[in-house]
Amino acid sequence: MAEERNIAREFEVLNKYGIHARPAALLVKAAGKFECDIFIGRKGDEVSAKSIMGLLTIEGHQGARLIVRAVGIDAEAALLEISALFENKFFEE
């Protein structure tokens, strides 16, 4: 049986307009590929990365530092995919 992982990483929102509808949709699409639970948080608030409405409430403006936490057997793979979205500025620039 595979070991369940609980890992977290901090990311900075680099794209000009932050986490608006399009980046939120990309996050939900990426998160939906994985079995693990994925959460994105800021200042103690945390929402599911599989909820577009939740993602739109986290004040993910440019420069914001967000904690992405994944819990489950495929947590590392999930964080790698989400990391690519942040690093590529959600393909907006």
N, C-alpha and C. Protein backbone atom coordinates (compact mmCIF):
# COMPACT_ATOMS: atom_id res chain seq x y z
N MET A 1 0.84 -1.19 0.00
CA MET A 1 0.00 0.00 0.00
C MET A 1 0.88 1.25 0.00
N ALA A 2 0.54 2.22 -0.84
CA ALA A 2 1.31 3.45 -0.95
C ALA A 2 1.09 4.32 0.29
N GLU A 3 2.12 5.05 0.62
CA GLU A 3 2.07 5.90 1.80
C GLU A 3 1.36 7.21 1.48
N GLU A 4 0.45 7.62 2.36
CA GLU A 4 -0.22 8.90 2.18
C GLU A 4 0.72 10.03 2.59
N ARG A 5 0.81 11.05 1.75
CA ARG A 5 1.71 12.16 2.01
C ARG A 5 0.92 13.42 2.38
N ASN A 6 1.54 14.27 3.17
CA ASN A 6 0.98 15.58 3.50
C ASN A 6 2.12 16.57 3.31
N ILE A 7 2.12 17.25 2.17
CA ILE A 7 3.22 18.16 1.87
C ILE A 7 2.68 19.54 1.51
N ALA A 8 3.48 20.55 1.76
CA ALA A 8 3.07 21.92 1.47
C ALA A 8 4.24 22.70 0.89
N ARG A 9 3.89 23.65 0.03
CA ARG A 9 4.88 24.56 -0.54
C ARG A 9 4.28 25.95 -0.61
N GLU A 10 5.15 26.93 -0.53
CA GLU A 10 4.69 28.31 -0.67
C GLU A 10 5.01 28.80 -2.08
N PHE A 11 4.05 29.49 -2.67
CA PHE A 11 4.22 30.05 -4.01
C PHE A 11 3.87 31.52 -3.98
N GLU A 12 4.54 32.28 -4.83
CA GLU A 12 4.19 33.69 -5.01
C GLU A 12 3.38 33.81 -6.30
N VAL A 13 2.31 34.59 -6.25
CA VAL A 13 1.51 34.83 -7.45
C VAL A 13 2.28 35.85 -8.29
N LEU A 14 2.72 35.41 -9.46
CA LEU A 14 3.57 36.24 -10.32
C LEU A 14 2.82 36.94 -11.44
N ASN A 15 1.69 36.38 -11.87
CA ASN A 15 0.99 36.98 -13.00
C ASN A 15 0.31 38.29 -12.60
N LYS A 16 0.21 39.18 -13.56
CA LYS A 16 -0.22 40.56 -13.32
C LYS A 16 -1.57 40.68 -12.63
N TYR A 17 -2.55 39.86 -13.04
CA TYR A 17 -3.91 40.01 -12.50
C TYR A 17 -4.25 39.03 -11.39
N GLY A 18 -3.28 38.24 -10.94
CA GLY A 18 -3.51 37.35 -9.82
C GLY A 18 -4.41 36.18 -10.15
N ILE A 19 -5.01 35.61 -9.10
CA ILE A 19 -5.88 34.45 -9.25
C ILE A 19 -7.30 34.94 -9.54
N HIS A 20 -7.57 35.18 -10.81
CA HIS A 20 -8.92 35.53 -11.25
C HIS A 20 -9.53 34.28 -11.89
N ALA A 21 -10.60 34.43 -12.64
CA ALA A 21 -11.35 33.26 -13.13
C ALA A 21 -10.51 32.28 -13.95
N ARG A 22 -9.69 32.78 -14.88
CA ARG A 22 -8.94 31.87 -15.74
C ARG A 22 -7.89 31.07 -14.97
N PRO A 23 -7.02 31.72 -14.17
CA PRO A 23 -6.07 30.92 -13.38
C PRO A 23 -6.77 29.98 -12.39
N ALA A 24 -7.89 30.43 -11.82
CA ALA A 24 -8.62 29.56 -10.89
C ALA A 24 -9.12 28.32 -11.62
N ALA A 25 -9.61 28.49 -12.86
CA ALA A 25 -10.07 27.35 -13.64
C ALA A 25 -8.92 26.40 -13.96
N LEU A 26 -7.74 26.95 -14.26
CA LEU A 26 -6.56 26.10 -14.51
C LEU A 26 -6.17 25.31 -13.26
N LEU A 27 -6.24 25.95 -12.11
CA LEU A 27 -5.93 25.26 -10.85
C LEU A 27 -6.93 24.13 -10.58
N VAL A 28 -8.21 24.41 -10.78
CA VAL A 28 -9.25 23.39 -10.55
C VAL A 28 -9.05 22.22 -11.51
N LYS A 29 -8.74 22.52 -12.75
CA LYS A 29 -8.52 21.46 -13.75
C LYS A 29 -7.32 20.60 -13.36
N ALA A 30 -6.23 21.25 -12.96
CA ALA A 30 -5.03 20.51 -12.54
C ALA A 30 -5.31 19.68 -11.29
N ALA A 31 -5.95 20.28 -10.30
CA ALA A 31 -6.23 19.59 -9.04
C ALA A 31 -7.15 18.39 -9.25
N GLY A 32 -8.07 18.53 -10.19
CA GLY A 32 -9.04 17.47 -10.45
C GLY A 32 -8.43 16.19 -11.01
N LYS A 33 -7.21 16.26 -11.49
CA LYS A 33 -6.53 15.08 -12.05
C LYS A 33 -6.02 14.14 -10.96
N PHE A 34 -6.01 14.60 -9.72
CA PHE A 34 -5.37 13.85 -8.64
C PHE A 34 -6.38 13.40 -7.59
N GLU A 35 -6.06 12.27 -6.98
CA GLU A 35 -6.90 11.73 -5.91
C GLU A 35 -6.77 12.53 -4.62
N CYS A 36 -5.58 13.06 -4.38
CA CYS A 36 -5.30 13.71 -3.10
C CYS A 36 -6.17 14.96 -2.92
N ASP A 37 -6.30 15.37 -1.67
CA ASP A 37 -6.96 16.63 -1.35
C ASP A 37 -5.92 17.73 -1.48
N ILE A 38 -6.28 18.82 -2.13
CA ILE A 38 -5.35 19.93 -2.34
C ILE A 38 -6.01 21.20 -1.82
N PHE A 39 -5.25 21.92 -1.00
CA PHE A 39 -5.76 23.14 -0.39
C PHE A 39 -4.83 24.29 -0.71
N ILE A 40 -5.40 25.47 -0.88
CA ILE A 40 -4.60 26.68 -1.11
C ILE A 40 -5.03 27.68 -0.05
N GLY A 41 -4.04 28.25 0.62
CA GLY A 41 -4.38 29.15 1.72
C GLY A 41 -3.53 30.39 1.76
N ARG A 42 -4.05 31.36 2.52
CA ARG A 42 -3.37 32.63 2.72
C ARG A 42 -3.87 33.22 4.03
N LYS A 43 -2.96 33.66 4.86
CA LYS A 43 -3.31 34.31 6.13
C LYS A 43 -4.25 33.47 6.98
N GLY A 44 -4.01 32.17 7.03
CA GLY A 44 -4.80 31.29 7.88
C GLY A 44 -6.08 30.76 7.26
N ASP A 45 -6.50 31.34 6.14
CA ASP A 45 -7.69 30.83 5.44
C ASP A 45 -7.24 29.82 4.40
N GLU A 46 -8.01 28.74 4.25
CA GLU A 46 -7.63 27.69 3.32
C GLU A 46 -8.88 27.23 2.57
N VAL A 47 -8.73 27.05 1.25
CA VAL A 47 -9.85 26.58 0.42
C VAL A 47 -9.39 25.39 -0.40
N SER A 48 -10.34 24.63 -0.90
CA SER A 48 -10.03 23.50 -1.75
C SER A 48 -9.59 24.01 -3.12
N ALA A 49 -8.52 23.44 -3.64
CA ALA A 49 -8.06 23.80 -4.98
C ALA A 49 -8.97 23.19 -6.04
N LYS A 50 -9.94 22.40 -5.61
CA LYS A 50 -10.89 21.81 -6.55
C LYS A 50 -12.19 22.62 -6.61
N SER A 51 -12.21 23.78 -5.94
CA SER A 51 -13.39 24.64 -5.89
C SER A 51 -13.07 26.00 -6.50
N ILE A 52 -13.63 26.27 -7.67
CA ILE A 52 -13.34 27.56 -8.32
C ILE A 52 -13.86 28.72 -7.48
N MET A 53 -15.02 28.57 -6.86
CA MET A 53 -15.55 29.65 -6.03
C MET A 53 -14.65 29.91 -4.82
N GLY A 54 -14.16 28.83 -4.22
CA GLY A 54 -13.24 29.00 -3.10
C GLY A 54 -11.98 29.74 -3.51
N LEU A 55 -11.42 29.36 -4.66
CA LEU A 55 -10.18 29.98 -5.12
C LEU A 55 -10.34 31.47 -5.38
N LEU A 56 -11.53 31.87 -5.80
CA LEU A 56 -11.76 33.29 -6.09
C LEU A 56 -11.89 34.13 -4.83
N THR A 57 -11.92 33.49 -3.67
CA THR A 57 -12.08 34.23 -2.40
C THR A 57 -10.77 34.42 -1.64
N ILE A 58 -9.65 33.91 -2.14
CA ILE A 58 -8.43 33.91 -1.31
C ILE A 58 -7.50 35.10 -1.50
N GLU A 59 -7.95 36.13 -2.19
CA GLU A 59 -7.14 37.33 -2.37
C GLU A 59 -5.77 37.00 -2.95
N GLY A 60 -5.78 36.29 -4.06
CA GLY A 60 -4.53 35.88 -4.70
C GLY A 60 -4.04 36.91 -5.70
N HIS A 61 -3.81 38.13 -5.25
CA HIS A 61 -3.34 39.20 -6.13
C HIS A 61 -1.85 39.01 -6.44
N GLN A 62 -1.36 39.75 -7.43
CA GLN A 62 0.05 39.66 -7.78
C GLN A 62 0.90 39.99 -6.55
N GLY A 63 1.88 39.14 -6.29
CA GLY A 63 2.76 39.32 -5.14
C GLY A 63 2.31 38.57 -3.90
N ALA A 64 1.07 38.09 -3.88
CA ALA A 64 0.56 37.34 -2.72
C ALA A 64 1.34 36.03 -2.59
N ARG A 65 1.58 35.63 -1.35
CA ARG A 65 2.25 34.36 -1.09
C ARG A 65 1.19 33.37 -0.60
N LEU A 66 1.04 32.29 -1.34
CA LEU A 66 0.01 31.29 -1.03
C LEU A 66 0.67 29.97 -0.64
N ILE A 67 0.06 29.30 0.31
CA ILE A 67 0.52 27.97 0.72
C ILE A 67 -0.36 26.94 0.02
N VAL A 68 0.27 26.05 -0.71
CA VAL A 68 -0.45 24.95 -1.37
C VAL A 68 -0.11 23.68 -0.61
N ARG A 69 -1.15 22.99 -0.13
CA ARG A 69 -0.96 21.78 0.67
C ARG A 69 -1.71 20.64 -0.01
N ALA A 70 -1.02 19.51 -0.14
CA ALA A 70 -1.64 18.33 -0.75
C ALA A 70 -1.54 17.17 0.23
N VAL A 71 -2.64 16.43 0.37
CA VAL A 71 -2.71 15.31 1.30
C VAL A 71 -3.24 14.09 0.54
N GLY A 72 -2.39 13.08 0.41
CA GLY A 72 -2.82 11.86 -0.29
C GLY A 72 -1.65 11.17 -0.96
N ILE A 73 -1.94 10.05 -1.60
CA ILE A 73 -0.86 9.24 -2.15
C ILE A 73 -0.19 9.89 -3.36
N ASP A 74 -0.89 10.77 -4.07
CA ASP A 74 -0.28 11.41 -5.24
C ASP A 74 0.00 12.90 -4.99
N ALA A 75 0.24 13.25 -3.72
CA ALA A 75 0.44 14.64 -3.34
C ALA A 75 1.65 15.27 -4.04
N GLU A 76 2.75 14.54 -4.13
CA GLU A 76 3.94 15.12 -4.77
C GLU A 76 3.69 15.44 -6.23
N ALA A 77 3.06 14.54 -6.95
CA ALA A 77 2.76 14.78 -8.37
C ALA A 77 1.82 15.98 -8.52
N ALA A 78 0.87 16.09 -7.63
CA ALA A 78 -0.07 17.22 -7.68
C ALA A 78 0.66 18.54 -7.48
N LEU A 79 1.55 18.59 -6.51
CA LEU A 79 2.28 19.83 -6.25
C LEU A 79 3.19 20.18 -7.42
N LEU A 80 3.76 19.19 -8.07
CA LEU A 80 4.59 19.47 -9.25
C LEU A 80 3.78 20.14 -10.35
N GLU A 81 2.59 19.62 -10.60
CA GLU A 81 1.75 20.20 -11.65
C GLU A 81 1.30 21.61 -11.29
N ILE A 82 0.90 21.81 -10.05
CA ILE A 82 0.46 23.13 -9.62
C ILE A 82 1.62 24.12 -9.60
N SER A 83 2.79 23.64 -9.22
CA SER A 83 3.99 24.46 -9.23
C SER A 83 4.25 25.02 -10.63
N ALA A 84 4.08 24.19 -11.65
CA ALA A 84 4.30 24.64 -13.03
C ALA A 84 3.35 25.77 -13.40
N LEU A 85 2.11 25.72 -12.91
CA LEU A 85 1.17 26.81 -13.21
C LEU A 85 1.66 28.13 -12.62
N PHE A 86 2.07 28.11 -11.35
CA PHE A 86 2.56 29.34 -10.71
C PHE A 86 3.82 29.85 -11.42
N GLU A 87 4.76 28.94 -11.69
CA GLU A 87 6.04 29.35 -12.30
C GLU A 87 5.85 29.91 -13.70
N ASN A 88 4.85 29.42 -14.42
CA ASN A 88 4.58 29.90 -15.78
C ASN A 88 3.55 31.01 -15.82
N LYS A 89 3.28 31.62 -14.67
CA LYS A 89 2.35 32.75 -14.54
C LYS A 89 0.99 32.41 -15.14
N PHE A 90 0.58 31.14 -14.98
CA PHE A 90 -0.71 30.66 -15.47
C PHE A 90 -0.85 30.90 -16.98
N PHE A 91 0.30 30.93 -17.66
CA PHE A 91 0.36 31.09 -19.12
C PHE A 91 -0.33 32.38 -19.61
N GLU A 92 -0.26 33.41 -18.79
CA GLU A 92 -0.89 34.69 -19.15
C GLU A 92 0.09 35.71 -19.71
N GLU A 93 1.38 35.50 -19.53
CA GLU A 93 2.34 36.53 -19.96
C GLU A 93 3.39 35.92 -20.86
